[in-house]
Amino acid sequence: MVLDLSGVRALVTGGTRGIGRAITLALASSGARVAVNYRSHSESAESFGRELGERHFEHMMLKADVNQERSVGTMMRRIEESWSGLDLLVLNAGIWQRGELGKMSLSDWRETIGTNLTGAFVVANEALRLLTMGESSAPKRIIFISSTSGIRGEAFYSHYAATKGGMIAMTKSLAVELAPHGITVNCVAPGWVRTDMTADALADATTRKAIQSSVPLGRPGEPDEVAAAVVFLASRQASYITGAVLNVNGGSVL
């Protein structure tokens, strides 16, 4: 089965690092045109853009804060002017910071909620017009990148877990709401994955051993393994799947 995304116009939020970077590369390698959103680290984003160009992938690099309507609106206008619409939206932008109840500030709470959950809403809200614009032979898809913490919770990261649980609820709600438009809405929920976000935890021998023992397959995942799930859900072969939560966690949450 060949997952061919030729003709697909995609936007990946938080698409330059970690899981987002792997998703961007996987989509581009499958033939999609990819708009790559980032908020900061402009130098590394520009370097990634050069890499995409050297590999002859059609792309655009878009700096925008997903939590800011004006910034997101500008990003959408760039996409509309260049591609006249959008087929695939991957809502990946997020942060993961410890927040212990009783010590977590309201500012910490709002930052995580704002980036992870409100940001997903703002981008989806602004992108819907582009997703329903004109005629396109490409399938129409929205894919949320949640987490196993949104299913089982996560001690000391209740704000993060709340955002990821919220994304799962949005997935199920929007799957029904957007079905008349021919848009499928699904969710990928990774467990422990080797990225710069989890590097410190996985570098500690004790923590790493505890993580590995909690995963039936005995190891953390790789970003490419999450990206592969996204490519499948974005493909024509996934045309009858909507409202689903696809766990990519080595069996740690079933």
C-alpha atoms as a PDB file:
ATOM      1  CA  MET A   1       0.000   0.000   0.000  1.00  0.00           C
ATOM      2  CA  VAL A   2       1.511   3.282  -1.137  1.00  0.00           C
ATOM      3  CA  LEU A   3       0.531   6.356   0.848  1.00  0.00           C
ATOM      4  CA  ASP A   4       0.728   9.020  -1.834  1.00  0.00           C
ATOM      5  CA  LEU A   5      -0.007  12.574  -0.674  1.00  0.00           C
ATOM      6  CA  SER A   6       0.703  14.261  -3.996  1.00  0.00           C
ATOM      7  CA  GLY A   7      -1.399  17.396  -4.362  1.00  0.00           C
ATOM      8  CA  VAL A   8      -2.034  17.731  -0.633  1.00  0.00           C
ATOM      9  CA  ARG A   9      -1.514  21.212   0.820  1.00  0.00           C
ATOM     10  CA  ALA A  10      -0.557  20.760   4.478  1.00  0.00           C
ATOM     11  CA  LEU A  11       0.095  22.959   7.494  1.00  0.00           C
ATOM     12  CA  VAL A  12       2.023  21.554  10.457  1.00  0.00           C
ATOM     13  CA  THR A  13       2.132  23.711  13.593  1.00  0.00           C
ATOM     14  CA  GLY A  14       5.300  23.397  15.648  1.00  0.00           C
ATOM     15  CA  GLY A  15       6.728  21.715  12.584  1.00  0.00           C
ATOM     16  CA  THR A  16      10.457  22.358  12.909  1.00  0.00           C
ATOM     17  CA  ARG A  17      11.471  20.320  15.953  1.00  0.00           C
ATOM     18  CA  GLY A  18      10.958  16.873  17.452  1.00  0.00           C
ATOM     19  CA  ILE A  19       7.773  15.110  16.414  1.00  0.00           C
ATOM     20  CA  GLY A  20       6.699  18.100  14.303  1.00  0.00           C
ATOM     21  CA  ARG A  21       9.913  17.967  12.278  1.00  0.00           C
ATOM     22  CA  ALA A  22       9.459  14.245  11.647  1.00  0.00           C
ATOM     23  CA  ILE A  23       5.862  14.857  10.542  1.00  0.00           C
ATOM     24  CA  THR A  24       6.946  17.613   8.168  1.00  0.00           C
ATOM     25  CA  LEU A  25       9.582  15.391   6.572  1.00  0.00           C
ATOM     26  CA  ALA A  26       7.233  12.409   6.316  1.00  0.00           C
ATOM     27  CA  LEU A  27       4.486  14.457   4.659  1.00  0.00           C
ATOM     28  CA  ALA A  28       6.919  16.105   2.242  1.00  0.00           C
ATOM     29  CA  SER A  29       8.519  12.755   1.396  1.00  0.00           C
ATOM     30  CA  SER A  30       5.030  11.429   0.568  1.00  0.00           C
ATOM     31  CA  GLY A  31       4.462  14.245  -1.916  1.00  0.00           C
ATOM     32  CA  ALA A  32       2.648  16.906   0.113  1.00  0.00           C
ATOM     33  CA  ARG A  33       3.362  20.612  -0.030  1.00  0.00           C
ATOM     34  CA  VAL A  34       4.031  21.626   3.564  1.00  0.00           C
ATOM     35  CA  ALA A  35       3.629  24.959   5.333  1.00  0.00           C
ATOM     36  CA  VAL A  36       5.846  24.688   8.404  1.00  0.00           C
ATOM     37  CA  ASN A  37       4.844  26.795  11.376  1.00  0.00           C
ATOM     38  CA  TYR A  38       7.221  27.781  14.171  1.00  0.00           C
ATOM     39  CA  ARG A  39       7.150  30.351  16.971  1.00  0.00           C
ATOM     40  CA  SER A  40      10.792  30.852  17.938  1.00  0.00           C
ATOM     41  CA  HIS A  41      14.292  29.507  17.257  1.00  0.00           C
ATOM     42  CA  SER A  42      14.331  31.289  13.905  1.00  0.00           C
ATOM     43  CA  GLU A  43      17.891  30.278  13.076  1.00  0.00           C
ATOM     44  CA  SER A  44      17.206  26.546  13.386  1.00  0.00           C
ATOM     45  CA  ALA A  45      13.904  26.988  11.509  1.00  0.00           C
ATOM     46  CA  GLU A  46      15.718  28.697   8.652  1.00  0.00           C
ATOM     47  CA  SER A  47      18.268  25.885   8.611  1.00  0.00           C
ATOM     48  CA  PHE A  48      15.458  23.336   8.398  1.00  0.00           C
ATOM     49  CA  GLY A  49      13.906  25.330   5.569  1.00  0.00           C
ATOM     50  CA  ARG A  50      17.171  25.151   3.642  1.00  0.00           C
ATOM     51  CA  GLU A  51      17.255  21.389   4.199  1.00  0.00           C
ATOM     52  CA  LEU A  52      13.744  21.046   2.787  1.00  0.00           C
ATOM     53  CA  GLY A  53      14.744  23.149  -0.208  1.00  0.00           C
ATOM     54  CA  GLU A  54      17.868  21.095  -0.862  1.00  0.00           C
ATOM     55  CA  ARG A  55      15.667  17.997  -0.948  1.00  0.00           C
ATOM     56  CA  HIS A  56      13.387  19.777  -3.446  1.00  0.00           C
ATOM     57  CA  PHE A  57      10.354  19.615  -1.179  1.00  0.00           C
ATOM     58  CA  GLU A  58       7.772  22.312  -1.869  1.00  0.00           C
ATOM     59  CA  HIS A  59       7.338  24.205   1.376  1.00  0.00           C
ATOM     60  CA  MET A  60       7.014  27.539   3.125  1.00  0.00           C
ATOM     61  CA  MET A  61       8.286  28.519   6.563  1.00  0.00           C
ATOM     62  CA  LEU A  62       5.746  30.494   8.604  1.00  0.00           C
ATOM     63  CA  LYS A  63       6.604  32.147  11.897  1.00  0.00           C
ATOM     64  CA  ALA A  64       3.506  32.649  14.055  1.00  0.00           C
ATOM     65  CA  ASP A  65       2.372  32.339  17.665  1.00  0.00           C
ATOM     66  CA  VAL A  66      -0.550  29.897  17.525  1.00  0.00           C
ATOM     67  CA  ASN A  67      -2.099  31.538  20.576  1.00  0.00           C
ATOM     68  CA  GLN A  68      -2.446  34.897  18.825  1.00  0.00           C
ATOM     69  CA  GLU A  69      -5.330  35.350  16.377  1.00  0.00           C
ATOM     70  CA  ARG A  70      -3.671  38.157  14.451  1.00  0.00           C
ATOM     71  CA  SER A  71      -0.475  36.178  13.988  1.00  0.00           C
ATOM     72  CA  VAL A  72      -2.389  33.078  12.891  1.00  0.00           C
ATOM     73  CA  GLY A  73      -4.557  35.157  10.569  1.00  0.00           C
ATOM     74  CA  THR A  74      -1.451  36.490   8.832  1.00  0.00           C
ATOM     75  CA  MET A  75      -0.147  32.930   8.463  1.00  0.00           C
ATOM     76  CA  MET A  76      -3.414  31.797   6.872  1.00  0.00           C
ATOM     77  CA  ARG A  77      -3.368  34.690   4.404  1.00  0.00           C
ATOM     78  CA  ARG A  78       0.128  33.645   3.310  1.00  0.00           C
ATOM     79  CA  ILE A  79      -1.124  30.119   2.656  1.00  0.00           C
ATOM     80  CA  GLU A  80      -4.197  31.352   0.810  1.00  0.00           C
ATOM     81  CA  GLU A  81      -2.169  33.700  -1.397  1.00  0.00           C
ATOM     82  CA  SER A  82       0.322  30.963  -2.269  1.00  0.00           C
ATOM     83  CA  TRP A  83      -1.859  27.840  -2.486  1.00  0.00           C
ATOM     84  CA  SER A  84      -5.477  29.076  -2.648  1.00  0.00           C
ATOM     85  CA  GLY A  85      -6.547  26.739   0.133  1.00  0.00           C
ATOM     86  CA  LEU A  86      -5.557  23.938   2.475  1.00  0.00           C
ATOM     87  CA  ASP A  87      -6.205  20.192   2.621  1.00  0.00           C
ATOM     88  CA  LEU A  88      -4.450  18.954   5.759  1.00  0.00           C
ATOM     89  CA  LEU A  89      -4.021  20.573   9.157  1.00  0.00           C
ATOM     90  CA  VAL A  90      -1.734  18.933  11.726  1.00  0.00           C
ATOM     91  CA  LEU A  91      -2.076  20.556  15.159  1.00  0.00           C
ATOM     92  CA  ASN A  92       1.212  19.676  16.823  1.00  0.00           C
ATOM     93  CA  ALA A  93       2.472  22.860  18.523  1.00  0.00           C
ATOM     94  CA  GLY A  94       2.873  22.374  22.258  1.00  0.00           C
ATOM     95  CA  ILE A  95       4.985  22.735  25.362  1.00  0.00           C
ATOM     96  CA  TRP A  96       5.643  20.325  28.253  1.00  0.00           C
ATOM     97  CA  GLN A  97       6.707  21.890  31.541  1.00  0.00           C
ATOM     98  CA  ARG A  98       6.457  20.545  35.071  1.00  0.00           C
ATOM     99  CA  GLY A  99       3.654  22.032  37.129  1.00  0.00           C
ATOM    100  CA  GLU A 100       3.072  20.715  40.641  1.00  0.00           C
ATOM    101  CA  LEU A 101      -0.272  21.615  42.184  1.00  0.00           C
ATOM    102  CA  GLY A 102       0.250  24.089  45.013  1.00  0.00           C
ATOM    103  CA  LYS A 103       3.421  25.405  43.382  1.00  0.00           C
ATOM    104  CA  MET A 104       2.261  25.999  39.820  1.00  0.00           C
ATOM    105  CA  SER A 105       1.502  29.637  39.103  1.00  0.00           C
ATOM    106  CA  LEU A 106      -1.529  30.837  37.173  1.00  0.00           C
ATOM    107  CA  SER A 107       0.897  32.141  34.574  1.00  0.00           C
ATOM    108  CA  ASP A 108       2.372  28.650  34.135  1.00  0.00           C
ATOM    109  CA  TRP A 109      -1.120  27.193  33.779  1.00  0.00           C
ATOM    110  CA  ARG A 110      -2.183  29.807  31.237  1.00  0.00           C
ATOM    111  CA  GLU A 111       0.974  29.412  29.158  1.00  0.00           C
ATOM    112  CA  THR A 112       0.462  25.669  28.732  1.00  0.00           C
ATOM    113  CA  ILE A 113      -3.295  25.924  28.169  1.00  0.00           C
ATOM    114  CA  GLY A 114      -2.764  28.808  25.764  1.00  0.00           C
ATOM    115  CA  THR A 115      -0.116  27.148  23.626  1.00  0.00           C
ATOM    116  CA  ASN A 116      -1.408  23.595  23.576  1.00  0.00           C
ATOM    117  CA  LEU A 117      -5.196  23.875  23.654  1.00  0.00           C
ATOM    118  CA  THR A 118      -6.168  27.458  22.842  1.00  0.00           C
ATOM    119  CA  GLY A 119      -3.516  27.457  20.117  1.00  0.00           C
ATOM    120  CA  ALA A 120      -5.059  24.365  18.551  1.00  0.00           C
ATOM    121  CA  PHE A 121      -8.477  26.034  18.616  1.00  0.00           C
ATOM    122  CA  VAL A 122      -7.226  29.310  17.127  1.00  0.00           C
ATOM    123  CA  VAL A 123      -5.449  27.591  14.237  1.00  0.00           C
ATOM    124  CA  ALA A 124      -8.337  25.198  13.506  1.00  0.00           C
ATOM    125  CA  ASN A 125     -10.836  28.047  13.720  1.00  0.00           C
ATOM    126  CA  GLU A 126      -8.862  30.177  11.272  1.00  0.00           C
ATOM    127  CA  ALA A 127      -8.006  27.244   8.975  1.00  0.00           C
ATOM    128  CA  LEU A 128     -11.557  26.004   8.420  1.00  0.00           C
ATOM    129  CA  ARG A 129     -12.223  28.580   5.717  1.00  0.00           C
ATOM    130  CA  LEU A 130      -9.142  27.411   3.798  1.00  0.00           C
ATOM    131  CA  LEU A 131     -10.078  23.753   4.269  1.00  0.00           C
ATOM    132  CA  THR A 132     -13.497  24.374   2.716  1.00  0.00           C
ATOM    133  CA  MET A 133     -12.287  26.690  -0.035  1.00  0.00           C
ATOM    134  CA  GLY A 134     -12.835  25.751  -3.679  1.00  0.00           C
ATOM    135  CA  GLU A 135     -12.484  22.359  -5.318  1.00  0.00           C
ATOM    136  CA  SER A 136      -9.699  19.917  -4.523  1.00  0.00           C
ATOM    137  CA  SER A 137      -9.079  16.281  -5.379  1.00  0.00           C
ATOM    138  CA  ALA A 138      -7.058  15.880  -2.174  1.00  0.00           C
ATOM    139  CA  PRO A 139      -8.679  14.468   0.986  1.00  0.00           C
ATOM    140  CA  LYS A 140      -9.551  16.960   3.711  1.00  0.00           C
ATOM    141  CA  ARG A 141      -8.076  16.167   7.114  1.00  0.00           C
ATOM    142  CA  ILE A 142      -7.473  17.622  10.585  1.00  0.00           C
ATOM    143  CA  ILE A 143      -5.112  15.678  12.832  1.00  0.00           C
ATOM    144  CA  PHE A 144      -4.481  16.579  16.471  1.00  0.00           C
ATOM    145  CA  ILE A 145      -1.245  15.470  18.144  1.00  0.00           C
ATOM    146  CA  SER A 146      -2.335  14.660  21.684  1.00  0.00           C
ATOM    147  CA  SER A 147      -0.601  12.402  24.222  1.00  0.00           C
ATOM    148  CA  THR A 148      -1.221   9.350  26.374  1.00  0.00           C
ATOM    149  CA  SER A 149      -1.309  11.813  29.284  1.00  0.00           C
ATOM    150  CA  GLY A 150      -4.596  13.072  27.874  1.00  0.00           C
ATOM    151  CA  ILE A 151      -6.023   9.583  28.409  1.00  0.00           C
ATOM    152  CA  ARG A 152      -4.580   8.527  31.761  1.00  0.00           C
ATOM    153  CA  GLY A 153      -3.384  11.845  33.238  1.00  0.00           C
ATOM    154  CA  GLU A 154       0.157  12.671  34.337  1.00  0.00           C
ATOM    155  CA  ALA A 155       1.273  13.540  37.857  1.00  0.00           C
ATOM    156  CA  PHE A 156       3.026  16.925  38.132  1.00  0.00           C
ATOM    157  CA  TYR A 157       1.832  17.815  34.629  1.00  0.00           C
ATOM    158  CA  SER A 158      -1.898  18.220  35.208  1.00  0.00           C
ATOM    159  CA  HIS A 159      -2.031  21.347  33.028  1.00  0.00           C
ATOM    160  CA  TYR A 160      -0.374  19.490  30.138  1.00  0.00           C
ATOM    161  CA  ALA A 161      -2.647  16.460  30.572  1.00  0.00           C
ATOM    162  CA  ALA A 162      -5.682  18.756  30.615  1.00  0.00           C
ATOM    163  CA  THR A 163      -4.703  20.235  27.252  1.00  0.00           C
ATOM    164  CA  LYS A 164      -4.136  16.829  25.700  1.00  0.00           C
ATOM    165  CA  GLY A 165      -7.430  15.495  27.051  1.00  0.00           C
ATOM    166  CA  GLY A 166      -9.069  18.605  25.640  1.00  0.00           C
ATOM    167  CA  MET A 167      -7.613  17.845  22.214  1.00  0.00           C
ATOM    168  CA  ILE A 168      -9.129  14.368  22.331  1.00  0.00           C
ATOM    169  CA  ALA A 169     -12.525  15.868  23.188  1.00  0.00           C
ATOM    170  CA  MET A 170     -12.140  18.372  20.338  1.00  0.00           C
ATOM    171  CA  THR A 171     -11.295  15.523  17.969  1.00  0.00           C
ATOM    172  CA  LYS A 172     -14.505  13.664  18.772  1.00  0.00           C
ATOM    173  CA  SER A 173     -16.618  16.810  18.659  1.00  0.00           C
ATOM    174  CA  LEU A 174     -15.230  18.158  15.393  1.00  0.00           C
ATOM    175  CA  ALA A 175     -15.346  14.755  13.700  1.00  0.00           C
ATOM    176  CA  VAL A 176     -19.145  14.958  13.833  1.00  0.00           C
ATOM    177  CA  GLU A 177     -19.362  18.697  13.225  1.00  0.00           C
ATOM    178  CA  LEU A 178     -17.141  18.712  10.139  1.00  0.00           C
ATOM    179  CA  ALA A 179     -18.252  15.440   8.553  1.00  0.00           C
ATOM    180  CA  PRO A 180     -20.813  17.248   6.329  1.00  0.00           C
ATOM    181  CA  HIS A 181     -17.882  19.197   4.872  1.00  0.00           C
ATOM    182  CA  GLY A 182     -16.069  15.980   4.010  1.00  0.00           C
ATOM    183  CA  ILE A 183     -13.367  16.665   6.597  1.00  0.00           C
ATOM    184  CA  THR A 184     -12.185  13.819   8.794  1.00  0.00           C
ATOM    185  CA  VAL A 185     -10.817  14.682  12.223  1.00  0.00           C
ATOM    186  CA  ASN A 186      -8.531  12.268  14.059  1.00  0.00           C
ATOM    187  CA  CYS A 187      -5.973  12.261  16.826  1.00  0.00           C
ATOM    188  CA  VAL A 188      -2.566  10.657  17.334  1.00  0.00           C
ATOM    189  CA  ALA A 189      -1.611  10.133  20.988  1.00  0.00           C
ATOM    190  CA  PRO A 190       2.106   9.408  21.443  1.00  0.00           C
ATOM    191  CA  GLY A 191       3.626   8.062  24.626  1.00  0.00           C
ATOM    192  CA  TRP A 192       7.298   8.547  25.495  1.00  0.00           C
ATOM    193  CA  VAL A 193       9.171   9.606  22.353  1.00  0.00           C
ATOM    194  CA  ARG A 194      12.830  10.551  21.950  1.00  0.00           C
ATOM    195  CA  THR A 195      12.846  14.303  21.298  1.00  0.00           C
ATOM    196  CA  ASP A 196      14.624  17.349  22.663  1.00  0.00           C
ATOM    197  CA  MET A 197      11.590  17.809  24.950  1.00  0.00           C
ATOM    198  CA  THR A 198      12.147  14.445  26.660  1.00  0.00           C
ATOM    199  CA  ALA A 199      15.943  14.335  26.368  1.00  0.00           C
ATOM    200  CA  ASP A 200      16.653  15.255  29.999  1.00  0.00           C
ATOM    201  CA  ALA A 201      14.259  12.632  31.365  1.00  0.00           C
ATOM    202  CA  LEU A 202      15.630   9.904  29.112  1.00  0.00           C
ATOM    203  CA  ALA A 203      19.229  10.879  29.891  1.00  0.00           C
ATOM    204  CA  ASP A 204      18.737  10.026  33.581  1.00  0.00           C
ATOM    205  CA  ALA A 205      19.425   6.294  34.010  1.00  0.00           C
ATOM    206  CA  THR A 206      16.858   5.783  36.792  1.00  0.00           C
ATOM    207  CA  THR A 207      14.121   7.655  34.975  1.00  0.00           C
ATOM    208  CA  ARG A 208      14.917   5.941  31.693  1.00  0.00           C
ATOM    209  CA  LYS A 209      14.695   2.509  33.328  1.00  0.00           C
ATOM    210  CA  ALA A 210      11.325   3.387  34.868  1.00  0.00           C
ATOM    211  CA  ILE A 211      10.041   4.613  31.502  1.00  0.00           C
ATOM    212  CA  GLN A 212      11.213   1.493  29.690  1.00  0.00           C
ATOM    213  CA  SER A 213       9.644  -0.789  32.289  1.00  0.00           C
ATOM    214  CA  SER A 214       6.301   0.995  31.854  1.00  0.00           C
ATOM    215  CA  VAL A 215       6.249   0.293  28.109  1.00  0.00           C
ATOM    216  CA  PRO A 216       5.413  -3.289  27.070  1.00  0.00           C
ATOM    217  CA  LEU A 217       7.656  -2.951  23.994  1.00  0.00           C
ATOM    218  CA  GLY A 218      10.453  -1.921  26.362  1.00  0.00           C
ATOM    219  CA  ARG A 219      11.584   1.329  24.786  1.00  0.00           C
ATOM    220  CA  PRO A 220      10.517   4.895  24.023  1.00  0.00           C
ATOM    221  CA  GLY A 221       9.236   5.633  20.556  1.00  0.00           C
ATOM    222  CA  GLU A 222      10.943   7.499  17.756  1.00  0.00           C
ATOM    223  CA  PRO A 223       9.515  10.632  16.078  1.00  0.00           C
ATOM    224  CA  ASP A 224       9.334   8.819  12.735  1.00  0.00           C
ATOM    225  CA  GLU A 225       6.965   6.260  14.271  1.00  0.00           C
ATOM    226  CA  VAL A 226       4.527   9.011  15.213  1.00  0.00           C
ATOM    227  CA  ALA A 227       4.932  10.649  11.804  1.00  0.00           C
ATOM    228  CA  ALA A 228       4.032   7.392  10.065  1.00  0.00           C
ATOM    229  CA  ALA A 229       0.686   7.337  11.882  1.00  0.00           C
ATOM    230  CA  VAL A 230       0.013  10.907  10.751  1.00  0.00           C
ATOM    231  CA  VAL A 231       0.790  10.076   7.121  1.00  0.00           C
ATOM    232  CA  PHE A 232      -1.652   7.163   7.231  1.00  0.00           C
ATOM    233  CA  LEU A 233      -4.471   9.262   8.726  1.00  0.00           C
ATOM    234  CA  ALA A 234      -3.768  11.963   6.131  1.00  0.00           C
ATOM    235  CA  SER A 235      -3.969   9.510   3.256  1.00  0.00           C
ATOM    236  CA  ARG A 236      -6.840   8.501   1.007  1.00  0.00           C
ATOM    237  CA  GLN A 237      -6.651   5.037   2.551  1.00  0.00           C
ATOM    238  CA  ALA A 238      -7.958   6.487   5.857  1.00  0.00           C
ATOM    239  CA  SER A 239     -11.062   7.960   4.246  1.00  0.00           C
ATOM    240  CA  TYR A 240     -13.534   6.135   6.529  1.00  0.00           C
ATOM    241  CA  ILE A 241     -11.751   6.863   9.804  1.00  0.00           C
ATOM    242  CA  THR A 242     -12.882   9.869  11.815  1.00  0.00           C
ATOM    243  CA  GLY A 243     -13.103  10.665  15.522  1.00  0.00           C
ATOM    244  CA  ALA A 244     -10.400   8.087  16.252  1.00  0.00           C
ATOM    245  CA  VAL A 245      -7.556   8.300  18.774  1.00  0.00           C
ATOM    246  CA  LEU A 246      -4.564   6.332  17.507  1.00  0.00           C
ATOM    247  CA  ASN A 247      -2.221   5.451  20.370  1.00  0.00           C
ATOM    248  CA  VAL A 248       1.459   5.316  19.402  1.00  0.00           C
ATOM    249  CA  ASN A 249       2.919   4.344  22.756  1.00  0.00           C
ATOM    250  CA  GLY A 250       4.378   0.839  22.637  1.00  0.00           C
ATOM    251  CA  GLY A 251       1.416  -0.508  24.592  1.00  0.00           C
ATOM    252  CA  SER A 252       1.818   1.704  27.673  1.00  0.00           C
ATOM    253  CA  VAL A 253      -1.834   2.791  27.457  1.00  0.00           C
ATOM    254  CA  LEU A 254      -4.380   0.482  25.852  1.00  0.00           C
END
